Amino acid sequence: MEIVEFEPVMRILDEIINDRTVPKNIRAAAEESKANLNNNGDTWELRISTAIHILDEITNDPNMPLYARTKIWSVVSALEQKRRELS
């Protein structure tokens, strides 16, 4: 199985998770995405797709600060790029 590098993505997710100005539900979604990417039981494609789905669902949250939405979009973009590289 190919090893996929997620360090930049994980760093951004950690920033969101540790930012107490971001609403709890958004931090929880970032944590869930990060845990999903670390799930060794699934294929890379499934991990990435699930993480994208989780993050995509919260991007329309009206309580999300604009800077957090921008970070999430950058994570989703990076994950979509990784998914394309694996195809």
PDB file of N, CA and C in Angstrom:
ATOM      1  N   MET A   1       0.847  -1.191   0.000  1.00  0.00           N
ATOM      2  CA  MET A   1       0.000   0.000   0.000  1.00  0.00           C
ATOM      3  C   MET A   1       0.888   1.248   0.000  1.00  0.00           C
ATOM      4  N   GLU A   2       0.546   2.190  -0.811  1.00  0.00           N
ATOM      5  CA  GLU A   2       1.290   3.436  -0.916  1.00  0.00           C
ATOM      6  C   GLU A   2       1.078   4.284   0.338  1.00  0.00           C
ATOM      7  N   ILE A   3       2.161   4.929   0.773  1.00  0.00           N
ATOM      8  CA  ILE A   3       2.060   5.825   1.929  1.00  0.00           C
ATOM      9  C   ILE A   3       1.781   7.231   1.407  1.00  0.00           C
ATOM     10  N   VAL A   4       0.786   7.860   1.977  1.00  0.00           N
ATOM     11  CA  VAL A   4       0.379   9.193   1.539  1.00  0.00           C
ATOM     12  C   VAL A   4       0.770  10.188   2.630  1.00  0.00           C
ATOM     13  N   GLU A   5       1.368  11.290   2.237  1.00  0.00           N
ATOM     14  CA  GLU A   5       1.825  12.315   3.182  1.00  0.00           C
ATOM     15  C   GLU A   5       0.723  13.343   3.416  1.00  0.00           C
ATOM     16  N   PHE A   6       0.335  13.491   4.668  1.00  0.00           N
ATOM     17  CA  PHE A   6      -0.744  14.406   5.032  1.00  0.00           C
ATOM     18  C   PHE A   6      -0.297  15.477   6.021  1.00  0.00           C
ATOM     19  N   GLU A   7       0.996  15.651   6.237  1.00  0.00           N
ATOM     20  CA  GLU A   7       1.449  16.564   7.287  1.00  0.00           C
ATOM     21  C   GLU A   7       0.881  17.980   7.171  1.00  0.00           C
ATOM     22  N   PRO A   8       0.905  18.615   5.993  1.00  0.00           N
ATOM     23  CA  PRO A   8       0.317  19.969   5.913  1.00  0.00           C
ATOM     24  C   PRO A   8      -1.172  19.983   6.248  1.00  0.00           C
ATOM     25  N   VAL A   9      -1.887  18.965   5.793  1.00  0.00           N
ATOM     26  CA  VAL A   9      -3.319  18.867   6.072  1.00  0.00           C
ATOM     27  C   VAL A   9      -3.543  18.692   7.569  1.00  0.00           C
ATOM     28  N   MET A  10      -2.770  17.811   8.184  1.00  0.00           N
ATOM     29  CA  MET A  10      -2.915  17.557   9.622  1.00  0.00           C
ATOM     30  C   MET A  10      -2.592  18.806  10.439  1.00  0.00           C
ATOM     31  N   ARG A  11      -1.598  19.549  10.006  1.00  0.00           N
ATOM     32  CA  ARG A  11      -1.220  20.779  10.712  1.00  0.00           C
ATOM     33  C   ARG A  11      -2.371  21.796  10.683  1.00  0.00           C
ATOM     34  N   ILE A  12      -3.012  21.951   9.541  1.00  0.00           N
ATOM     35  CA  ILE A  12      -4.133  22.888   9.430  1.00  0.00           C
ATOM     36  C   ILE A  12      -5.316  22.402  10.262  1.00  0.00           C
ATOM     37  N   LEU A  13      -5.591  21.094  10.207  1.00  0.00           N
ATOM     38  CA  LEU A  13      -6.679  20.553  11.022  1.00  0.00           C
ATOM     39  C   LEU A  13      -6.398  20.773  12.509  1.00  0.00           C
ATOM     40  N   ASP A  14      -5.141  20.597  12.925  1.00  0.00           N
ATOM     41  CA  ASP A  14      -4.772  20.855  14.324  1.00  0.00           C
ATOM     42  C   ASP A  14      -5.003  22.315  14.701  1.00  0.00           C
ATOM     43  N   GLU A  15      -4.697  23.226  13.787  1.00  0.00           N
ATOM     44  CA  GLU A  15      -4.942  24.647  14.049  1.00  0.00           C
ATOM     45  C   GLU A  15      -6.425  24.896  14.315  1.00  0.00           C
ATOM     46  N   ILE A  16      -7.265  24.279  13.516  1.00  0.00           N
ATOM     47  CA  ILE A  16      -8.718  24.446  13.689  1.00  0.00           C
ATOM     48  C   ILE A  16      -9.165  23.813  15.008  1.00  0.00           C
ATOM     49  N   ILE A  17      -8.686  22.607  15.268  1.00  0.00           N
ATOM     50  CA  ILE A  17      -9.071  21.880  16.480  1.00  0.00           C
ATOM     51  C   ILE A  17      -8.683  22.658  17.736  1.00  0.00           C
ATOM     52  N   ASN A  18      -7.534  23.300  17.727  1.00  0.00           N
ATOM     53  CA  ASN A  18      -7.018  23.996  18.910  1.00  0.00           C
ATOM     54  C   ASN A  18      -7.440  25.456  19.009  1.00  0.00           C
ATOM     55  N   ASP A  19      -8.190  25.947  18.032  1.00  0.00           N
ATOM     56  CA  ASP A  19      -8.644  27.337  18.027  1.00  0.00           C
ATOM     57  C   ASP A  19      -9.981  27.435  18.758  1.00  0.00           C
ATOM     58  N   ARG A  20      -9.974  27.975  19.950  1.00  0.00           N
ATOM     59  CA  ARG A  20     -11.186  28.045  20.776  1.00  0.00           C
ATOM     60  C   ARG A  20     -12.185  29.085  20.282  1.00  0.00           C
ATOM     61  N   THR A  21     -11.818  29.878  19.272  1.00  0.00           N
ATOM     62  CA  THR A  21     -12.776  30.821  18.697  1.00  0.00           C
ATOM     63  C   THR A  21     -13.643  30.158  17.626  1.00  0.00           C
ATOM     64  N   VAL A  22     -13.264  28.942  17.233  1.00  0.00           N
ATOM     65  CA  VAL A  22     -14.034  28.175  16.252  1.00  0.00           C
ATOM     66  C   VAL A  22     -15.098  27.386  17.015  1.00  0.00           C
ATOM     67  N   PRO A  23     -16.346  27.412  16.557  1.00  0.00           N
ATOM     68  CA  PRO A  23     -17.412  26.673  17.244  1.00  0.00           C
ATOM     69  C   PRO A  23     -17.080  25.189  17.427  1.00  0.00           C
ATOM     70  N   LYS A  24     -17.603  24.644  18.508  1.00  0.00           N
ATOM     71  CA  LYS A  24     -17.288  23.271  18.908  1.00  0.00           C
ATOM     72  C   LYS A  24     -17.640  22.246  17.825  1.00  0.00           C
ATOM     73  N   ASN A  25     -18.772  22.417  17.130  1.00  0.00           N
ATOM     74  CA  ASN A  25     -19.157  21.434  16.117  1.00  0.00           C
ATOM     75  C   ASN A  25     -18.183  21.419  14.943  1.00  0.00           C
ATOM     76  N   ILE A  26     -17.599  22.554  14.643  1.00  0.00           N
ATOM     77  CA  ILE A  26     -16.636  22.631  13.549  1.00  0.00           C
ATOM     78  C   ILE A  26     -15.309  22.004  13.978  1.00  0.00           C
ATOM     79  N   ARG A  27     -14.899  22.270  15.218  1.00  0.00           N
ATOM     80  CA  ARG A  27     -13.683  21.624  15.753  1.00  0.00           C
ATOM     81  C   ARG A  27     -13.872  20.109  15.790  1.00  0.00           C
ATOM     82  N   ALA A  28     -15.074  19.662  16.166  1.00  0.00           N
ATOM     83  CA  ALA A  28     -15.352  18.221  16.225  1.00  0.00           C
ATOM     84  C   ALA A  28     -15.262  17.590  14.832  1.00  0.00           C
ATOM     85  N   ALA A  29     -15.763  18.284  13.822  1.00  0.00           N
ATOM     86  CA  ALA A  29     -15.680  17.767  12.449  1.00  0.00           C
ATOM     87  C   ALA A  29     -14.225  17.693  11.992  1.00  0.00           C
ATOM     88  N   ALA A  30     -13.421  18.673  12.371  1.00  0.00           N
ATOM     89  CA  ALA A  30     -11.992  18.643  12.035  1.00  0.00           C
ATOM     90  C   ALA A  30     -11.316  17.459  12.725  1.00  0.00           C
ATOM     91  N   GLU A  31     -11.665  17.219  13.985  1.00  0.00           N
ATOM     92  CA  GLU A  31     -11.115  16.067  14.708  1.00  0.00           C
ATOM     93  C   GLU A  31     -11.543  14.756  14.057  1.00  0.00           C
ATOM     94  N   GLU A  32     -12.802  14.668  13.667  1.00  0.00           N
ATOM     95  CA  GLU A  32     -13.305  13.453  13.026  1.00  0.00           C
ATOM     96  C   GLU A  32     -12.589  13.205  11.698  1.00  0.00           C
ATOM     97  N   SER A  33     -12.361  14.261  10.941  1.00  0.00           N
ATOM     98  CA  SER A  33     -11.649  14.135   9.669  1.00  0.00           C
ATOM     99  C   SER A  33     -10.221  13.661   9.893  1.00  0.00           C
ATOM    100  N   LYS A  34      -9.570  14.239  10.886  1.00  0.00           N
ATOM    101  CA  LYS A  34      -8.190  13.868  11.196  1.00  0.00           C
ATOM    102  C   LYS A  34      -8.126  12.404  11.636  1.00  0.00           C
ATOM    103  N   ALA A  35      -9.045  11.995  12.493  1.00  0.00           N
ATOM    104  CA  ALA A  35      -9.077  10.600  12.948  1.00  0.00           C
ATOM    105  C   ALA A  35      -9.332   9.663  11.773  1.00  0.00           C
ATOM    106  N   ASN A  36     -10.195  10.083  10.873  1.00  0.00           N
ATOM    107  CA  ASN A  36     -10.500   9.251   9.715  1.00  0.00           C
ATOM    108  C   ASN A  36      -9.277   9.079   8.822  1.00  0.00           C
ATOM    109  N   LEU A  37      -8.501  10.133   8.647  1.00  0.00           N
ATOM    110  CA  LEU A  37      -7.300  10.036   7.820  1.00  0.00           C
ATOM    111  C   LEU A  37      -6.261   9.115   8.464  1.00  0.00           C
ATOM    112  N   ASN A  38      -6.298   9.011   9.786  1.00  0.00           N
ATOM    113  CA  ASN A  38      -5.362   8.136  10.502  1.00  0.00           C
ATOM    114  C   ASN A  38      -5.874   6.709  10.646  1.00  0.00           C
ATOM    115  N   ASN A  39      -7.065   6.422  10.143  1.00  0.00           N
ATOM    116  CA  ASN A  39      -7.676   5.094  10.261  1.00  0.00           C
ATOM    117  C   ASN A  39      -6.962   4.117   9.334  1.00  0.00           C
ATOM    118  N   ASN A  40      -6.140   3.260   9.906  1.00  0.00           N
ATOM    119  CA  ASN A  40      -5.350   2.329   9.099  1.00  0.00           C
ATOM    120  C   ASN A  40      -6.159   1.184   8.508  1.00  0.00           C
ATOM    121  N   GLY A  41      -7.413   1.053   8.892  1.00  0.00           N
ATOM    122  CA  GLY A  41      -8.222  -0.056   8.409  1.00  0.00           C
ATOM    123  C   GLY A  41      -8.806   0.152   7.025  1.00  0.00           C
ATOM    124  N   ASP A  42      -8.849   1.380   6.563  1.00  0.00           N
ATOM    125  CA  ASP A  42      -9.470   1.689   5.273  1.00  0.00           C
ATOM    126  C   ASP A  42      -8.421   2.005   4.217  1.00  0.00           C
ATOM    127  N   THR A  43      -8.845   1.981   2.958  1.00  0.00           N
ATOM    128  CA  THR A  43      -7.946   2.366   1.867  1.00  0.00           C
ATOM    129  C   THR A  43      -7.747   3.881   1.906  1.00  0.00           C
ATOM    130  N   TRP A  44      -6.686   4.347   1.277  1.00  0.00           N
ATOM    131  CA  TRP A  44      -6.424   5.788   1.235  1.00  0.00           C
ATOM    132  C   TRP A  44      -7.565   6.534   0.567  1.00  0.00           C
ATOM    133  N   GLU A  45      -8.080   5.959  -0.511  1.00  0.00           N
ATOM    134  CA  GLU A  45      -9.160   6.629  -1.236  1.00  0.00           C
ATOM    135  C   GLU A  45     -10.386   6.815  -0.350  1.00  0.00           C
ATOM    136  N   LEU A  46     -10.720   5.781   0.424  1.00  0.00           N
ATOM    137  CA  LEU A  46     -11.873   5.870   1.306  1.00  0.00           C
ATOM    138  C   LEU A  46     -11.630   6.867   2.439  1.00  0.00           C
ATOM    139  N   ARG A  47     -10.442   6.851   3.016  1.00  0.00           N
ATOM    140  CA  ARG A  47     -10.109   7.804   4.087  1.00  0.00           C
ATOM    141  C   ARG A  47     -10.240   9.237   3.598  1.00  0.00           C
ATOM    142  N   ILE A  48      -9.656   9.494   2.437  1.00  0.00           N
ATOM    143  CA  ILE A  48      -9.668  10.851   1.878  1.00  0.00           C
ATOM    144  C   ILE A  48     -11.090  11.272   1.535  1.00  0.00           C
ATOM    145  N   SER A  49     -11.832  10.404   0.872  1.00  0.00           N
ATOM    146  CA  SER A  49     -13.205  10.738   0.485  1.00  0.00           C
ATOM    147  C   SER A  49     -14.079  11.011   1.693  1.00  0.00           C
ATOM    148  N   THR A  50     -13.920  10.216   2.742  1.00  0.00           N
ATOM    149  CA  THR A  50     -14.712  10.416   3.956  1.00  0.00           C
ATOM    150  C   THR A  50     -14.357  11.730   4.621  1.00  0.00           C
ATOM    151  N   ALA A  51     -13.068  12.039   4.706  1.00  0.00           N
ATOM    152  CA  ALA A  51     -12.636  13.300   5.312  1.00  0.00           C
ATOM    153  C   ALA A  51     -13.171  14.492   4.518  1.00  0.00           C
ATOM    154  N   ILE A  52     -13.113  14.402   3.198  1.00  0.00           N
ATOM    155  CA  ILE A  52     -13.649  15.479   2.356  1.00  0.00           C
ATOM    156  C   ILE A  52     -15.144  15.648   2.616  1.00  0.00           C
ATOM    157  N   HIS A  53     -15.862  14.556   2.690  1.00  0.00           N
ATOM    158  CA  HIS A  53     -17.301  14.611   2.926  1.00  0.00           C
ATOM    159  C   HIS A  53     -17.620  15.282   4.269  1.00  0.00           C
ATOM    160  N   ILE A  54     -16.905  14.899   5.308  1.00  0.00           N
ATOM    161  CA  ILE A  54     -17.126  15.482   6.640  1.00  0.00           C
ATOM    162  C   ILE A  54     -16.883  16.986   6.613  1.00  0.00           C
ATOM    163  N   LEU A  55     -15.779  17.393   6.012  1.00  0.00           N
ATOM    164  CA  LEU A  55     -15.433  18.815   5.982  1.00  0.00           C
ATOM    165  C   LEU A  55     -16.369  19.599   5.068  1.00  0.00           C
ATOM    166  N   ASP A  56     -16.759  18.987   3.967  1.00  0.00           N
ATOM    167  CA  ASP A  56     -17.642  19.666   3.027  1.00  0.00           C
ATOM    168  C   ASP A  56     -19.003  19.952   3.662  1.00  0.00           C
ATOM    169  N   GLU A  57     -19.466  19.050   4.510  1.00  0.00           N
ATOM    170  CA  GLU A  57     -20.760  19.241   5.166  1.00  0.00           C
ATOM    171  C   GLU A  57     -20.784  20.457   6.083  1.00  0.00           C
ATOM    172  N   ILE A  58     -19.655  20.793   6.695  1.00  0.00           N
ATOM    173  CA  ILE A  58     -19.656  21.901   7.659  1.00  0.00           C
ATOM    174  C   ILE A  58     -19.292  23.246   7.045  1.00  0.00           C
ATOM    175  N   THR A  59     -18.877  23.265   5.787  1.00  0.00           N
ATOM    176  CA  THR A  59     -18.455  24.542   5.204  1.00  0.00           C
ATOM    177  C   THR A  59     -19.590  25.549   5.073  1.00  0.00           C
ATOM    178  N   ASN A  60     -20.818  25.090   5.082  1.00  0.00           N
ATOM    179  CA  ASN A  60     -21.954  26.004   4.971  1.00  0.00           C
ATOM    180  C   ASN A  60     -22.502  26.451   6.321  1.00  0.00           C
ATOM    181  N   ASP A  61     -21.830  26.078   7.393  1.00  0.00           N
ATOM    182  CA  ASP A  61     -22.273  26.471   8.732  1.00  0.00           C
ATOM    183  C   ASP A  61     -22.171  27.994   8.861  1.00  0.00           C
ATOM    184  N   PRO A  62     -23.287  28.679   9.127  1.00  0.00           N
ATOM    185  CA  PRO A  62     -23.262  30.144   9.202  1.00  0.00           C
ATOM    186  C   PRO A  62     -22.464  30.672  10.403  1.00  0.00           C
ATOM    187  N   ASN A  63     -22.190  29.828  11.388  1.00  0.00           N
ATOM    188  CA  ASN A  63     -21.439  30.268  12.559  1.00  0.00           C
ATOM    189  C   ASN A  63     -19.931  30.135  12.394  1.00  0.00           C
ATOM    190  N   MET A  64     -19.509  29.603  11.262  1.00  0.00           N
ATOM    191  CA  MET A  64     -18.079  29.400  11.052  1.00  0.00           C
ATOM    192  C   MET A  64     -17.395  30.720  10.719  1.00  0.00           C
ATOM    193  N   PRO A  65     -16.307  31.033  11.443  1.00  0.00           N
ATOM    194  CA  PRO A  65     -15.544  32.235  11.097  1.00  0.00           C
ATOM    195  C   PRO A  65     -14.961  32.095   9.686  1.00  0.00           C
ATOM    196  N   LEU A  66     -14.859  33.207   8.993  1.00  0.00           N
ATOM    197  CA  LEU A  66     -14.388  33.194   7.613  1.00  0.00           C
ATOM    198  C   LEU A  66     -12.995  32.583   7.491  1.00  0.00           C
ATOM    199  N   TYR A  67     -12.092  32.896   8.419  1.00  0.00           N
ATOM    200  CA  TYR A  67     -10.729  32.360   8.331  1.00  0.00           C
ATOM    201  C   TYR A  67     -10.727  30.833   8.502  1.00  0.00           C
ATOM    202  N   ALA A  68     -11.644  30.297   9.314  1.00  0.00           N
ATOM    203  CA  ALA A  68     -11.737  28.846   9.496  1.00  0.00           C
ATOM    204  C   ALA A  68     -12.277  28.193   8.224  1.00  0.00           C
ATOM    205  N   ARG A  69     -13.243  28.836   7.593  1.00  0.00           N
ATOM    206  CA  ARG A  69     -13.791  28.314   6.337  1.00  0.00           C
ATOM    207  C   ARG A  69     -12.692  28.266   5.271  1.00  0.00           C
ATOM    208  N   THR A  70     -11.869  29.299   5.225  1.00  0.00           N
ATOM    209  CA  THR A  70     -10.770  29.329   4.261  1.00  0.00           C
ATOM    210  C   THR A  70      -9.787  28.193   4.519  1.00  0.00           C
ATOM    211  N   LYS A  71      -9.488  27.932   5.787  1.00  0.00           N
ATOM    212  CA  LYS A  71      -8.587  26.826   6.131  1.00  0.00           C
ATOM    213  C   LYS A  71      -9.198  25.492   5.717  1.00  0.00           C
ATOM    214  N   ILE A  72     -10.482  25.327   5.966  1.00  0.00           N
ATOM    215  CA  ILE A  72     -11.140  24.068   5.607  1.00  0.00           C
ATOM    216  C   ILE A  72     -11.145  23.886   4.098  1.00  0.00           C
ATOM    217  N   TRP A  73     -11.402  24.954   3.363  1.00  0.00           N
ATOM    218  CA  TRP A  73     -11.358  24.854   1.903  1.00  0.00           C
ATOM    219  C   TRP A  73      -9.967  24.457   1.426  1.00  0.00           C
ATOM    220  N   SER A  74      -8.938  24.974   2.056  1.00  0.00           N
ATOM    221  CA  SER A  74      -7.577  24.608   1.643  1.00  0.00           C
ATOM    222  C   SER A  74      -7.287  23.146   1.953  1.00  0.00           C
ATOM    223  N   VAL A  75      -7.814  22.645   3.072  1.00  0.00           N
ATOM    224  CA  VAL A  75      -7.657  21.223   3.410  1.00  0.00           C
ATOM    225  C   VAL A  75      -8.389  20.364   2.385  1.00  0.00           C
ATOM    226  N   VAL A  76      -9.630  20.722   2.075  1.00  0.00           N
ATOM    227  CA  VAL A  76     -10.409  19.955   1.100  1.00  0.00           C
ATOM    228  C   VAL A  76      -9.705  19.957  -0.255  1.00  0.00           C
ATOM    229  N   SER A  77      -9.185  21.095  -0.655  1.00  0.00           N
ATOM    230  CA  SER A  77      -8.473  21.188  -1.927  1.00  0.00           C
ATOM    231  C   SER A  77      -7.243  20.282  -1.938  1.00  0.00           C
ATOM    232  N   ALA A  78      -6.475  20.289  -0.851  1.00  0.00           N
ATOM    233  CA  ALA A  78      -5.291  19.429  -0.754  1.00  0.00           C
ATOM    234  C   ALA A  78      -5.680  17.955  -0.775  1.00  0.00           C
ATOM    235  N   LEU A  79      -6.771  17.614  -0.091  1.00  0.00           N
ATOM    236  CA  LEU A  79      -7.213  16.223  -0.074  1.00  0.00           C
ATOM    237  C   LEU A  79      -7.710  15.777  -1.448  1.00  0.00           C
ATOM    238  N   GLU A  80      -8.408  16.663  -2.139  1.00  0.00           N
ATOM    239  CA  GLU A  80      -8.871  16.325  -3.492  1.00  0.00           C
ATOM    240  C   GLU A  80      -7.684  16.100  -4.418  1.00  0.00           C
ATOM    241  N   GLN A  81      -6.622  16.887  -4.247  1.00  0.00           N
ATOM    242  CA  GLN A  81      -5.420  16.710  -5.046  1.00  0.00           C
ATOM    243  C   GLN A  81      -4.774  15.356  -4.747  1.00  0.00           C
ATOM    244  N   LYS A  82      -4.705  14.994  -3.471  1.00  0.00           N
ATOM    245  CA  LYS A  82      -4.141  13.684  -3.089  1.00  0.00           C
ATOM    246  C   LYS A  82      -4.970  12.554  -3.690  1.00  0.00           C
ATOM    247  N   ARG A  83      -6.278  12.709  -3.660  1.00  0.00           N
ATOM    248  CA  ARG A  83      -7.163  11.680  -4.218  1.00  0.00           C
ATOM    249  C   ARG A  83      -6.929  11.522  -5.713  1.00  0.00           C
ATOM    250  N   ARG A  84      -6.747  12.647  -6.414  1.00  0.00           N
ATOM    251  CA  ARG A  84      -6.463  12.573  -7.861  1.00  0.00           C
ATOM    252  C   ARG A  84      -5.113  11.887  -8.117  1.00  0.00           C
ATOM    253  N   GLU A  85      -4.120  12.155  -7.260  1.00  0.00           N
ATOM    254  CA  GLU A  85      -2.803  11.533  -7.431  1.00  0.00           C
ATOM    255  C   GLU A  85      -2.870  10.024  -7.249  1.00  0.00           C
ATOM    256  N   LEU A  86      -3.781   9.553  -6.397  1.00  0.00           N
ATOM    257  CA  LEU A  86      -3.910   8.122  -6.139  1.00  0.00           C
ATOM    258  C   LEU A  86      -4.668   7.397  -7.238  1.00  0.00           C
ATOM    259  N   SER A  87      -5.434   8.126  -8.027  1.00  0.00           N
ATOM    260  CA  SER A  87      -6.257   7.490  -9.067  1.00  0.00           C
ATOM    261  C   SER A  87      -5.423   7.047 -10.243  1.00  0.00           C
TER     262      SER A  87
END
